[in-house]
Amino acid sequence: MVKSAAERKAAQRARQSATGTRKLELQLDQQEMVMLEQNCMARRPGRDPYDLNEYVTMLIRRDNAELQHLLKIVGHCGKCGDKAPVTSCPCVGEAACWVTNGWQELKLTV
């Protein structure tokens, strides 16, 4: 028996749910879209460009690897001694406190 479009879509959603795959809607302005498409091509010269999904997922994985590396080297809070990243500290507001200034080592910059 042939499945209807709704049945096929339901089966696809069930497969994705079983593997933990989630759909993400991303809103990009025209300039960001041009940059994304250019980068997909520039990162694979002479070959088929990266698929947009593939490129974005690789950026996420690359950023995660960089973050894990940073977390290993950022050290401890200069006041309470807790290992960074510290989410709360009784010394927040003091210059040596990681919550006050140290978190900036982890923030994304352009």
PDB file of N, CA and C in Angstrom:
ATOM      1  N   MET A   1       0.835  -1.175   0.000  1.00  0.00           N
ATOM      2  CA  MET A   1       0.000   0.000   0.000  1.00  0.00           C
ATOM      3  C   MET A   1       0.890   1.252   0.000  1.00  0.00           C
ATOM      4  N   VAL A   2       0.521   2.248  -0.771  1.00  0.00           N
ATOM      5  CA  VAL A   2       1.268   3.491  -0.904  1.00  0.00           C
ATOM      6  C   VAL A   2       0.892   4.418   0.258  1.00  0.00           C
ATOM      7  N   LYS A   3       1.918   5.009   0.871  1.00  0.00           N
ATOM      8  CA  LYS A   3       1.675   5.924   1.986  1.00  0.00           C
ATOM      9  C   LYS A   3       1.344   7.310   1.451  1.00  0.00           C
ATOM     10  N   SER A   4       0.500   8.005   2.185  1.00  0.00           N
ATOM     11  CA  SER A   4       0.175   9.385   1.829  1.00  0.00           C
ATOM     12  C   SER A   4       1.333  10.285   2.245  1.00  0.00           C
ATOM     13  N   ALA A   5       1.315  11.518   1.769  1.00  0.00           N
ATOM     14  CA  ALA A   5       2.357  12.482   2.121  1.00  0.00           C
ATOM     15  C   ALA A   5       2.389  12.710   3.631  1.00  0.00           C
ATOM     16  N   ALA A   6       1.232  12.761   4.255  1.00  0.00           N
ATOM     17  CA  ALA A   6       1.159  12.966   5.706  1.00  0.00           C
ATOM     18  C   ALA A   6       1.771  11.787   6.452  1.00  0.00           C
ATOM     19  N   GLU A   7       1.526  10.564   5.971  1.00  0.00           N
ATOM     20  CA  GLU A   7       2.099   9.375   6.609  1.00  0.00           C
ATOM     21  C   GLU A   7       3.616   9.340   6.441  1.00  0.00           C
ATOM     22  N   ARG A   8       4.083   9.711   5.251  1.00  0.00           N
ATOM     23  CA  ARG A   8       5.540   9.745   5.028  1.00  0.00           C
ATOM     24  C   ARG A   8       6.202  10.782   5.925  1.00  0.00           C
ATOM     25  N   LYS A   9       5.567  11.956   6.047  1.00  0.00           N
ATOM     26  CA  LYS A   9       6.115  13.014   6.897  1.00  0.00           C
ATOM     27  C   LYS A   9       6.111  12.583   8.362  1.00  0.00           C
ATOM     28  N   ALA A  10       5.062  11.917   8.804  1.00  0.00           N
ATOM     29  CA  ALA A  10       4.987  11.425  10.186  1.00  0.00           C
ATOM     30  C   ALA A  10       6.077  10.394  10.444  1.00  0.00           C
ATOM     31  N   ALA A  11       6.340   9.537   9.462  1.00  0.00           N
ATOM     32  CA  ALA A  11       7.402   8.534   9.601  1.00  0.00           C
ATOM     33  C   ALA A  11       8.767   9.218   9.665  1.00  0.00           C
ATOM     34  N   GLN A  12       8.955  10.262   8.855  1.00  0.00           N
ATOM     35  CA  GLN A  12      10.216  11.014   8.881  1.00  0.00           C
ATOM     36  C   GLN A  12      10.419  11.669  10.239  1.00  0.00           C
ATOM     37  N   ARG A  13       9.377  12.276  10.772  1.00  0.00           N
ATOM     38  CA  ARG A  13       9.482  12.915  12.091  1.00  0.00           C
ATOM     39  C   ARG A  13       9.797  11.885  13.170  1.00  0.00           C
ATOM     40  N   ALA A  14       9.203  10.716  13.074  1.00  0.00           N
ATOM     41  CA  ALA A  14       9.459   9.652  14.056  1.00  0.00           C
ATOM     42  C   ALA A  14      10.912   9.197  13.983  1.00  0.00           C
ATOM     43  N   ARG A  15      11.451   9.044  12.763  1.00  0.00           N
ATOM     44  CA  ARG A  15      12.863   8.653  12.609  1.00  0.00           C
ATOM     45  C   ARG A  15      13.784   9.718  13.197  1.00  0.00           C
ATOM     46  N   GLN A  16      13.489  10.980  12.901  1.00  0.00           N
ATOM     47  CA  GLN A  16      14.315  12.073  13.416  1.00  0.00           C
ATOM     48  C   GLN A  16      14.235  12.154  14.933  1.00  0.00           C
ATOM     49  N   SER A  17      13.075  11.957  15.476  1.00  0.00           N
ATOM     50  CA  SER A  17      12.905  11.976  16.923  1.00  0.00           C
ATOM     51  C   SER A  17      13.681  10.839  17.577  1.00  0.00           C
ATOM     52  N   ALA A  18      13.660   9.677  16.949  1.00  0.00           N
ATOM     53  CA  ALA A  18      14.365   8.516  17.495  1.00  0.00           C
ATOM     54  C   ALA A  18      15.871   8.720  17.511  1.00  0.00           C
ATOM     55  N   THR A  19      16.393   9.499  16.566  1.00  0.00           N
ATOM     56  CA  THR A  19      17.839   9.739  16.514  1.00  0.00           C
ATOM     57  C   THR A  19      18.246  11.015  17.248  1.00  0.00           C
ATOM     58  N   GLY A  20      17.272  11.742  17.794  1.00  0.00           N
ATOM     59  CA  GLY A  20      17.583  12.969  18.515  1.00  0.00           C
ATOM     60  C   GLY A  20      17.796  14.169  17.614  1.00  0.00           C
ATOM     61  N   THR A  21      17.467  14.050  16.351  1.00  0.00           N
ATOM     62  CA  THR A  21      17.623  15.153  15.400  1.00  0.00           C
ATOM     63  C   THR A  21      16.511  16.171  15.627  1.00  0.00           C
ATOM     64  N   ARG A  22      16.901  17.443  15.670  1.00  0.00           N
ATOM     65  CA  ARG A  22      15.925  18.507  15.835  1.00  0.00           C
ATOM     66  C   ARG A  22      16.055  19.499  14.698  1.00  0.00           C
ATOM     67  N   LYS A  23      14.950  20.081  14.313  1.00  0.00           N
ATOM     68  CA  LYS A  23      14.932  21.075  13.249  1.00  0.00           C
ATOM     69  C   LYS A  23      15.069  22.449  13.883  1.00  0.00           C
ATOM     70  N   LEU A  24      15.917  23.281  13.290  1.00  0.00           N
ATOM     71  CA  LEU A  24      16.157  24.631  13.789  1.00  0.00           C
ATOM     72  C   LEU A  24      15.868  25.606  12.674  1.00  0.00           C
ATOM     73  N   GLU A  25      15.044  26.584  12.959  1.00  0.00           N
ATOM     74  CA  GLU A  25      14.771  27.627  11.975  1.00  0.00           C
ATOM     75  C   GLU A  25      15.725  28.774  12.249  1.00  0.00           C
ATOM     76  N   LEU A  26      16.416  29.222  11.237  1.00  0.00           N
ATOM     77  CA  LEU A  26      17.433  30.255  11.379  1.00  0.00           C
ATOM     78  C   LEU A  26      17.072  31.432  10.499  1.00  0.00           C
ATOM     79  N   GLN A  27      17.068  32.611  11.075  1.00  0.00           N
ATOM     80  CA  GLN A  27      16.756  33.810  10.301  1.00  0.00           C
ATOM     81  C   GLN A  27      18.047  34.577  10.044  1.00  0.00           C
ATOM     82  N   LEU A  28      18.370  34.762   8.779  1.00  0.00           N
ATOM     83  CA  LEU A  28      19.570  35.489   8.373  1.00  0.00           C
ATOM     84  C   LEU A  28      19.166  36.662   7.502  1.00  0.00           C
ATOM     85  N   ASP A  29      19.870  37.792   7.660  1.00  0.00           N
ATOM     86  CA  ASP A  29      19.591  38.902   6.755  1.00  0.00           C
ATOM     87  C   ASP A  29      20.307  38.629   5.430  1.00  0.00           C
ATOM     88  N   GLN A  30      20.083  39.482   4.458  1.00  0.00           N
ATOM     89  CA  GLN A  30      20.632  39.255   3.120  1.00  0.00           C
ATOM     90  C   GLN A  30      22.161  39.198   3.147  1.00  0.00           C
ATOM     91  N   GLN A  31      22.790  40.082   3.897  1.00  0.00           N
ATOM     92  CA  GLN A  31      24.249  40.111   3.984  1.00  0.00           C
ATOM     93  C   GLN A  31      24.793  38.813   4.603  1.00  0.00           C
ATOM     94  N   GLU A  32      24.159  38.330   5.654  1.00  0.00           N
ATOM     95  CA  GLU A  32      24.596  37.079   6.293  1.00  0.00           C
ATOM     96  C   GLU A  32      24.417  35.890   5.358  1.00  0.00           C
ATOM     97  N   MET A  33      23.341  35.895   4.593  1.00  0.00           N
ATOM     98  CA  MET A  33      23.100  34.802   3.652  1.00  0.00           C
ATOM     99  C   MET A  33      24.157  34.789   2.560  1.00  0.00           C
ATOM    100  N   VAL A  34      24.532  35.959   2.061  1.00  0.00           N
ATOM    101  CA  VAL A  34      25.583  36.055   1.045  1.00  0.00           C
ATOM    102  C   VAL A  34      26.897  35.543   1.623  1.00  0.00           C
ATOM    103  N   MET A  35      27.219  35.966   2.854  1.00  0.00           N
ATOM    104  CA  MET A  35      28.460  35.503   3.493  1.00  0.00           C
ATOM    105  C   MET A  35      28.455  33.990   3.661  1.00  0.00           C
ATOM    106  N   LEU A  36      27.324  33.434   4.086  1.00  0.00           N
ATOM    107  CA  LEU A  36      27.222  31.993   4.284  1.00  0.00           C
ATOM    108  C   LEU A  36      27.431  31.246   2.969  1.00  0.00           C
ATOM    109  N   GLU A  37      26.782  31.687   1.920  1.00  0.00           N
ATOM    110  CA  GLU A  37      26.926  31.025   0.626  1.00  0.00           C
ATOM    111  C   GLU A  37      28.355  31.153   0.088  1.00  0.00           C
ATOM    112  N   GLN A  38      28.965  32.330   0.245  1.00  0.00           N
ATOM    113  CA  GLN A  38      30.344  32.519  -0.198  1.00  0.00           C
ATOM    114  C   GLN A  38      31.299  31.607   0.577  1.00  0.00           C
ATOM    115  N   ASN A  39      31.092  31.504   1.872  1.00  0.00           N
ATOM    116  CA  ASN A  39      31.958  30.660   2.690  1.00  0.00           C
ATOM    117  C   ASN A  39      31.797  29.184   2.361  1.00  0.00           C
ATOM    118  N   CYS A  40      30.577  28.773   2.060  1.00  0.00           N
ATOM    119  CA  CYS A  40      30.351  27.376   1.679  1.00  0.00           C
ATOM    120  C   CYS A  40      31.159  27.026   0.425  1.00  0.00           C
ATOM    121  N   MET A  41      31.249  27.977  -0.489  1.00  0.00           N
ATOM    122  CA  MET A  41      32.018  27.743  -1.718  1.00  0.00           C
ATOM    123  C   MET A  41      33.521  27.882  -1.468  1.00  0.00           C
ATOM    124  N   ALA A  42      33.904  28.904  -0.717  1.00  0.00           N
ATOM    125  CA  ALA A  42      35.328  29.193  -0.502  1.00  0.00           C
ATOM    126  C   ALA A  42      36.038  28.115   0.308  1.00  0.00           C
ATOM    127  N   ARG A  43      35.310  27.413   1.160  1.00  0.00           N
ATOM    128  CA  ARG A  43      35.911  26.365   1.985  1.00  0.00           C
ATOM    129  C   ARG A  43      36.113  25.057   1.215  1.00  0.00           C
ATOM    130  N   ARG A  44      35.591  24.980  -0.017  1.00  0.00           N
ATOM    131  CA  ARG A  44      35.759  23.781  -0.857  1.00  0.00           C
ATOM    132  C   ARG A  44      36.062  24.188  -2.295  1.00  0.00           C
ATOM    133  N   PRO A  45      37.176  24.882  -2.513  1.00  0.00           N
ATOM    134  CA  PRO A  45      37.478  25.339  -3.875  1.00  0.00           C
ATOM    135  C   PRO A  45      37.670  24.166  -4.831  1.00  0.00           C
ATOM    136  N   GLY A  46      37.086  24.301  -6.006  1.00  0.00           N
ATOM    137  CA  GLY A  46      37.222  23.264  -7.017  1.00  0.00           C
ATOM    138  C   GLY A  46      36.330  22.059  -6.785  1.00  0.00           C
ATOM    139  N   ARG A  47      35.486  22.130  -5.791  1.00  0.00           N
ATOM    140  CA  ARG A  47      34.574  21.016  -5.474  1.00  0.00           C
ATOM    141  C   ARG A  47      33.173  21.577  -5.277  1.00  0.00           C
ATOM    142  N   ASP A  48      32.212  20.683  -5.102  1.00  0.00           N
ATOM    143  CA  ASP A  48      30.865  21.148  -4.780  1.00  0.00           C
ATOM    144  C   ASP A  48      30.908  21.877  -3.442  1.00  0.00           C
ATOM    145  N   PRO A  49      30.227  23.017  -3.328  1.00  0.00           N
ATOM    146  CA  PRO A  49      30.252  23.750  -2.052  1.00  0.00           C
ATOM    147  C   PRO A  49      29.576  22.941  -0.948  1.00  0.00           C
ATOM    148  N   TYR A  50      29.927  23.276   0.281  1.00  0.00           N
ATOM    149  CA  TYR A  50      29.253  22.657   1.421  1.00  0.00           C
ATOM    150  C   TYR A  50      27.771  22.964   1.344  1.00  0.00           C
ATOM    151  N   ASP A  51      26.974  22.037   1.789  1.00  0.00           N
ATOM    152  CA  ASP A  51      25.556  22.259   1.975  1.00  0.00           C
ATOM    153  C   ASP A  51      25.421  23.231   3.157  1.00  0.00           C
ATOM    154  N   LEU A  52      24.428  24.123   3.126  1.00  0.00           N
ATOM    155  CA  LEU A  52      24.262  25.114   4.193  1.00  0.00           C
ATOM    156  C   LEU A  52      24.141  24.449   5.561  1.00  0.00           C
ATOM    157  N   ASN A  53      23.361  23.390   5.638  1.00  0.00           N
ATOM    158  CA  ASN A  53      23.194  22.648   6.895  1.00  0.00           C
ATOM    159  C   ASN A  53      24.522  22.086   7.375  1.00  0.00           C
ATOM    160  N   GLU A  54      25.246  21.477   6.454  1.00  0.00           N
ATOM    161  CA  GLU A  54      26.535  20.865   6.781  1.00  0.00           C
ATOM    162  C   GLU A  54      27.511  21.920   7.298  1.00  0.00           C
ATOM    163  N   TYR A  55      27.555  23.068   6.649  1.00  0.00           N
ATOM    164  CA  TYR A  55      28.471  24.135   7.031  1.00  0.00           C
ATOM    165  C   TYR A  55      28.153  24.650   8.434  1.00  0.00           C
ATOM    166  N   VAL A  56      26.880  24.906   8.706  1.00  0.00           N
ATOM    167  CA  VAL A  56      26.481  25.426  10.014  1.00  0.00           C
ATOM    168  C   VAL A  56      26.753  24.400  11.110  1.00  0.00           C
ATOM    169  N   THR A  57      26.475  23.132  10.854  1.00  0.00           N
ATOM    170  CA  THR A  57      26.748  22.114  11.876  1.00  0.00           C
ATOM    171  C   THR A  57      28.247  21.982  12.135  1.00  0.00           C
ATOM    172  N   MET A  58      29.065  22.129  11.103  1.00  0.00           N
ATOM    173  CA  MET A  58      30.521  22.081  11.317  1.00  0.00           C
ATOM    174  C   MET A  58      30.997  23.278  12.123  1.00  0.00           C
ATOM    175  N   LEU A  59      30.399  24.459  11.896  1.00  0.00           N
ATOM    176  CA  LEU A  59      30.750  25.628  12.696  1.00  0.00           C
ATOM    177  C   LEU A  59      30.402  25.400  14.168  1.00  0.00           C
ATOM    178  N   ILE A  60      29.264  24.776  14.424  1.00  0.00           N
ATOM    179  CA  ILE A  60      28.860  24.478  15.800  1.00  0.00           C
ATOM    180  C   ILE A  60      29.862  23.529  16.446  1.00  0.00           C
ATOM    181  N   ARG A  61      30.250  22.487  15.729  1.00  0.00           N
ATOM    182  CA  ARG A  61      31.218  21.525  16.266  1.00  0.00           C
ATOM    183  C   ARG A  61      32.587  22.172  16.480  1.00  0.00           C
ATOM    184  N   ARG A  62      32.980  23.035  15.557  1.00  0.00           N
ATOM    185  CA  ARG A  62      34.274  23.722  15.686  1.00  0.00           C
ATOM    186  C   ARG A  62      34.265  24.655  16.895  1.00  0.00           C
ATOM    187  N   ASP A  63      33.165  25.398  17.077  1.00  0.00           N
ATOM    188  CA  ASP A  63      33.051  26.293  18.217  1.00  0.00           C
ATOM    189  C   ASP A  63      33.041  25.501  19.524  1.00  0.00           C
ATOM    190  N   ASN A  64      32.374  24.353  19.533  1.00  0.00           N
ATOM    191  CA  ASN A  64      32.343  23.532  20.737  1.00  0.00           C
ATOM    192  C   ASN A  64      33.736  23.046  21.105  1.00  0.00           C
ATOM    193  N   ALA A  65      34.521  22.636  20.120  1.00  0.00           N
ATOM    194  CA  ALA A  65      35.894  22.187  20.379  1.00  0.00           C
ATOM    195  C   ALA A  65      36.727  23.335  20.942  1.00  0.00           C
ATOM    196  N   GLU A  66      36.556  24.535  20.391  1.00  0.00           N
ATOM    197  CA  GLU A  66      37.284  25.700  20.887  1.00  0.00           C
ATOM    198  C   GLU A  66      36.865  26.024  22.320  1.00  0.00           C
ATOM    199  N   LEU A  67      35.574  25.954  22.608  1.00  0.00           N
ATOM    200  CA  LEU A  67      35.077  26.236  23.950  1.00  0.00           C
ATOM    201  C   LEU A  67      35.616  25.231  24.963  1.00  0.00           C
ATOM    202  N   GLN A  68      35.615  23.944  24.599  1.00  0.00           N
ATOM    203  CA  GLN A  68      36.144  22.928  25.515  1.00  0.00           C
ATOM    204  C   GLN A  68      37.614  23.183  25.816  1.00  0.00           C
ATOM    205  N   HIS A  69      38.371  23.610  24.806  1.00  0.00           N
ATOM    206  CA  HIS A  69      39.782  23.947  25.006  1.00  0.00           C
ATOM    207  C   HIS A  69      39.919  25.137  25.959  1.00  0.00           C
ATOM    208  N   LEU A  70      39.121  26.182  25.744  1.00  0.00           N
ATOM    209  CA  LEU A  70      39.169  27.356  26.609  1.00  0.00           C
ATOM    210  C   LEU A  70      38.808  27.014  28.042  1.00  0.00           C
ATOM    211  N   LEU A  71      37.804  26.149  28.219  1.00  0.00           N
ATOM    212  CA  LEU A  71      37.387  25.762  29.566  1.00  0.00           C
ATOM    213  C   LEU A  71      38.511  25.057  30.318  1.00  0.00           C
ATOM    214  N   LYS A  72      39.371  24.350  29.595  1.00  0.00           N
ATOM    215  CA  LYS A  72      40.490  23.656  30.243  1.00  0.00           C
ATOM    216  C   LYS A  72      41.568  24.627  30.705  1.00  0.00           C
ATOM    217  N   ILE A  73      41.686  25.778  30.043  1.00  0.00           N
ATOM    218  CA  ILE A  73      42.799  26.685  30.360  1.00  0.00           C
ATOM    219  C   ILE A  73      42.395  27.936  31.139  1.00  0.00           C
ATOM    220  N   VAL A  74      41.090  28.193  31.339  1.00  0.00           N
ATOM    221  CA  VAL A  74      40.697  29.442  31.998  1.00  0.00           C
ATOM    222  C   VAL A  74      40.998  29.449  33.488  1.00  0.00           C
ATOM    223  N   GLY A  75      41.132  28.315  34.097  1.00  0.00           N
ATOM    224  CA  GLY A  75      41.553  28.293  35.496  1.00  0.00           C
ATOM    225  C   GLY A  75      40.427  28.391  36.503  1.00  0.00           C
ATOM    226  N   HIS A  76      40.683  29.197  37.540  1.00  0.00           N
ATOM    227  CA  HIS A  76      39.791  29.291  38.691  1.00  0.00           C
ATOM    228  C   HIS A  76      39.426  30.738  38.974  1.00  0.00           C
ATOM    229  N   CYS A  77      38.386  30.909  39.774  1.00  0.00           N
ATOM    230  CA  CYS A  77      38.005  32.238  40.234  1.00  0.00           C
ATOM    231  C   CYS A  77      39.091  32.737  41.179  1.00  0.00           C
ATOM    232  N   GLY A  78      39.503  33.972  40.986  1.00  0.00           N
ATOM    233  CA  GLY A  78      40.545  34.556  41.823  1.00  0.00           C
ATOM    234  C   GLY A  78      40.104  34.858  43.237  1.00  0.00           C
ATOM    235  N   LYS A  79      38.816  34.784  43.516  1.00  0.00           N
ATOM    236  CA  LYS A  79      38.309  35.075  44.850  1.00  0.00           C
ATOM    237  C   LYS A  79      37.862  33.818  45.587  1.00  0.00           C
ATOM    238  N   CYS A  80      36.927  33.066  45.005  1.00  0.00           N
ATOM    239  CA  CYS A  80      36.390  31.904  45.733  1.00  0.00           C
ATOM    240  C   CYS A  80      37.165  30.628  45.440  1.00  0.00           C
ATOM    241  N   GLY A  81      37.953  30.619  44.356  1.00  0.00           N
ATOM    242  CA  GLY A  81      38.759  29.445  44.023  1.00  0.00           C
ATOM    243  C   GLY A  81      38.031  28.370  43.237  1.00  0.00           C
ATOM    244  N   ASP A  82      36.735  28.551  42.969  1.00  0.00           N
ATOM    245  CA  ASP A  82      35.989  27.562  42.182  1.00  0.00           C
ATOM    246  C   ASP A  82      36.535  27.504  40.766  1.00  0.00           C
ATOM    247  N   LYS A  83      36.458  26.305  40.190  1.00  0.00           N
ATOM    248  CA  LYS A  83      36.929  26.116  38.815  1.00  0.00           C
ATOM    249  C   LYS A  83      35.954  26.785  37.855  1.00  0.00           C
ATOM    250  N   ALA A  84      36.514  27.535  36.931  1.00  0.00           N
ATOM    251  CA  ALA A  84      35.705  28.212  35.921  1.00  0.00           C
ATOM    252  C   ALA A  84      35.130  27.193  34.945  1.00  0.00           C
ATOM    253  N   PRO A  85      33.990  27.408  34.381  1.00  0.00           N
ATOM    254  CA  PRO A  85      33.185  28.613  34.506  1.00  0.00           C
ATOM    255  C   PRO A  85      32.371  28.625  35.800  1.00  0.00           C
ATOM    256  N   VAL A  86      32.464  29.699  36.529  1.00  0.00           N
ATOM    257  CA  VAL A  86      31.739  29.883  37.787  1.00  0.00           C
ATOM    258  C   VAL A  86      30.435  30.594  37.451  1.00  0.00           C
ATOM    259  N   THR A  87      29.314  30.061  37.922  1.00  0.00           N
ATOM    260  CA  THR A  87      28.023  30.682  37.611  1.00  0.00           C
ATOM    261  C   THR A  87      27.549  31.610  38.718  1.00  0.00           C
ATOM    262  N   SER A  88      28.041  31.401  39.930  1.00  0.00           N
ATOM    263  CA  SER A  88      27.707  32.317  41.019  1.00  0.00           C
ATOM    264  C   SER A  88      28.858  32.323  42.008  1.00  0.00           C
ATOM    265  N   CYS A  89      29.097  33.483  42.594  1.00  0.00           N
ATOM    266  CA  CYS A  89      30.209  33.652  43.529  1.00  0.00           C
ATOM    267  C   CYS A  89      29.807  34.720  44.541  1.00  0.00           C
ATOM    268  N   PRO A  90      30.098  34.504  45.809  1.00  0.00           N
ATOM    269  CA  PRO A  90      29.751  35.528  46.803  1.00  0.00           C
ATOM    270  C   PRO A  90      30.555  36.819  46.612  1.00  0.00           C
ATOM    271  N   CYS A  91      31.600  36.764  45.812  1.00  0.00           N
ATOM    272  CA  CYS A  91      32.465  37.933  45.612  1.00  0.00           C
ATOM    273  C   CYS A  91      32.167  38.647  44.291  1.00  0.00           C
ATOM    274  N   VAL A  92      31.035  38.351  43.670  1.00  0.00           N
ATOM    275  CA  VAL A  92      30.698  38.978  42.402  1.00  0.00           C
ATOM    276  C   VAL A  92      30.752  40.499  42.551  1.00  0.00           C
ATOM    277  N   GLY A  93      31.321  41.157  41.580  1.00  0.00           N
ATOM    278  CA  GLY A  93      31.500  42.605  41.612  1.00  0.00           C
ATOM    279  C   GLY A  93      32.947  42.988  41.868  1.00  0.00           C
ATOM    280  N   GLU A  94      33.709  42.085  42.497  1.00  0.00           N
ATOM    281  CA  GLU A  94      35.122  42.366  42.741  1.00  0.00           C
ATOM    282  C   GLU A  94      35.915  42.002  41.490  1.00  0.00           C
ATOM    283  N   ALA A  95      36.964  42.758  41.215  1.00  0.00           N
ATOM    284  CA  ALA A  95      37.736  42.607  39.982  1.00  0.00           C
ATOM    285  C   ALA A  95      38.323  41.217  39.815  1.00  0.00           C
ATOM    286  N   ALA A  96      38.729  40.555  40.903  1.00  0.00           N
ATOM    287  CA  ALA A  96      39.356  39.240  40.810  1.00  0.00           C
ATOM    288  C   ALA A  96      38.352  38.105  40.649  1.00  0.00           C
ATOM    289  N   CYS A  97      37.073  38.427  40.768  1.00  0.00           N
ATOM    290  CA  CYS A  97      36.027  37.394  40.679  1.00  0.00           C
ATOM    291  C   CYS A  97      35.792  37.004  39.221  1.00  0.00           C
ATOM    292  N   TRP A  98      35.728  35.697  38.955  1.00  0.00           N
ATOM    293  CA  TRP A  98      35.539  35.201  37.599  1.00  0.00           C
ATOM    294  C   TRP A  98      34.174  35.600  37.048  1.00  0.00           C
ATOM    295  N   VAL A  99      33.163  35.620  37.906  1.00  0.00           N
ATOM    296  CA  VAL A  99      31.815  35.994  37.456  1.00  0.00           C
ATOM    297  C   VAL A  99      31.806  37.447  36.983  1.00  0.00           C
ATOM    298  N   THR A 100      32.618  38.288  37.585  1.00  0.00           N
ATOM    299  CA  THR A 100      32.677  39.700  37.218  1.00  0.00           C
ATOM    300  C   THR A 100      33.386  39.900  35.884  1.00  0.00           C
ATOM    301  N   ASN A 101      34.576  39.323  35.720  1.00  0.00           N
ATOM    302  CA  ASN A 101      35.376  39.602  34.529  1.00  0.00           C
ATOM    303  C   ASN A 101      35.816  38.370  33.742  1.00  0.00           C
ATOM    304  N   GLY A 102      36.007  37.256  34.388  1.00  0.00           N
ATOM    305  CA  GLY A 102      36.578  36.079  33.731  1.00  0.00           C
ATOM    306  C   GLY A 102      35.739  35.515  32.606  1.00  0.00           C
ATOM    307  N   TRP A 103      34.420  35.632  32.732  1.00  0.00           N
ATOM    308  CA  TRP A 103      33.521  35.084  31.715  1.00  0.00           C
ATOM    309  C   TRP A 103      33.809  35.659  30.338  1.00  0.00           C
ATOM    310  N   GLN A 104      34.425  36.841  30.297  1.00  0.00           N
ATOM    311  CA  GLN A 104      34.705  37.482  29.010  1.00  0.00           C
ATOM    312  C   GLN A 104      35.695  36.693  28.171  1.00  0.00           C
ATOM    313  N   GLU A 105      36.456  35.796  28.817  1.00  0.00           N
ATOM    314  CA  GLU A 105      37.381  34.929  28.070  1.00  0.00           C
ATOM    315  C   GLU A 105      36.625  33.926  27.212  1.00  0.00           C
ATOM    316  N   LEU A 106      35.361  33.672  27.555  1.00  0.00           N
ATOM    317  CA  LEU A 106      34.566  32.668  26.845  1.00  0.00           C
ATOM    318  C   LEU A 106      33.583  33.268  25.840  1.00  0.00           C
ATOM    319  N   LYS A 107      33.353  34.554  25.896  1.00  0.00           N
ATOM    320  CA  LYS A 107      32.322  35.134  25.029  1.00  0.00           C
ATOM    321  C   LYS A 107      32.747  35.113  23.563  1.00  0.00           C
ATOM    322  N   LEU A 108      31.763  35.066  22.702  1.00  0.00           N
ATOM    323  CA  LEU A 108      32.016  35.106  21.262  1.00  0.00           C
ATOM    324  C   LEU A 108      32.334  36.536  20.851  1.00  0.00           C
ATOM    325  N   THR A 109      33.304  36.672  19.979  1.00  0.00           N
ATOM    326  CA  THR A 109      33.653  37.986  19.457  1.00  0.00           C
ATOM    327  C   THR A 109      33.756  37.909  17.942  1.00  0.00           C
ATOM    328  N   VAL A 110      33.544  39.039  17.311  1.00  0.00           N
ATOM    329  CA  VAL A 110      33.646  39.111  15.866  1.00  0.00           C
ATOM    330  C   VAL A 110      34.827  39.977  15.505  1.00  0.00           C
TER     331      VAL A 110
END
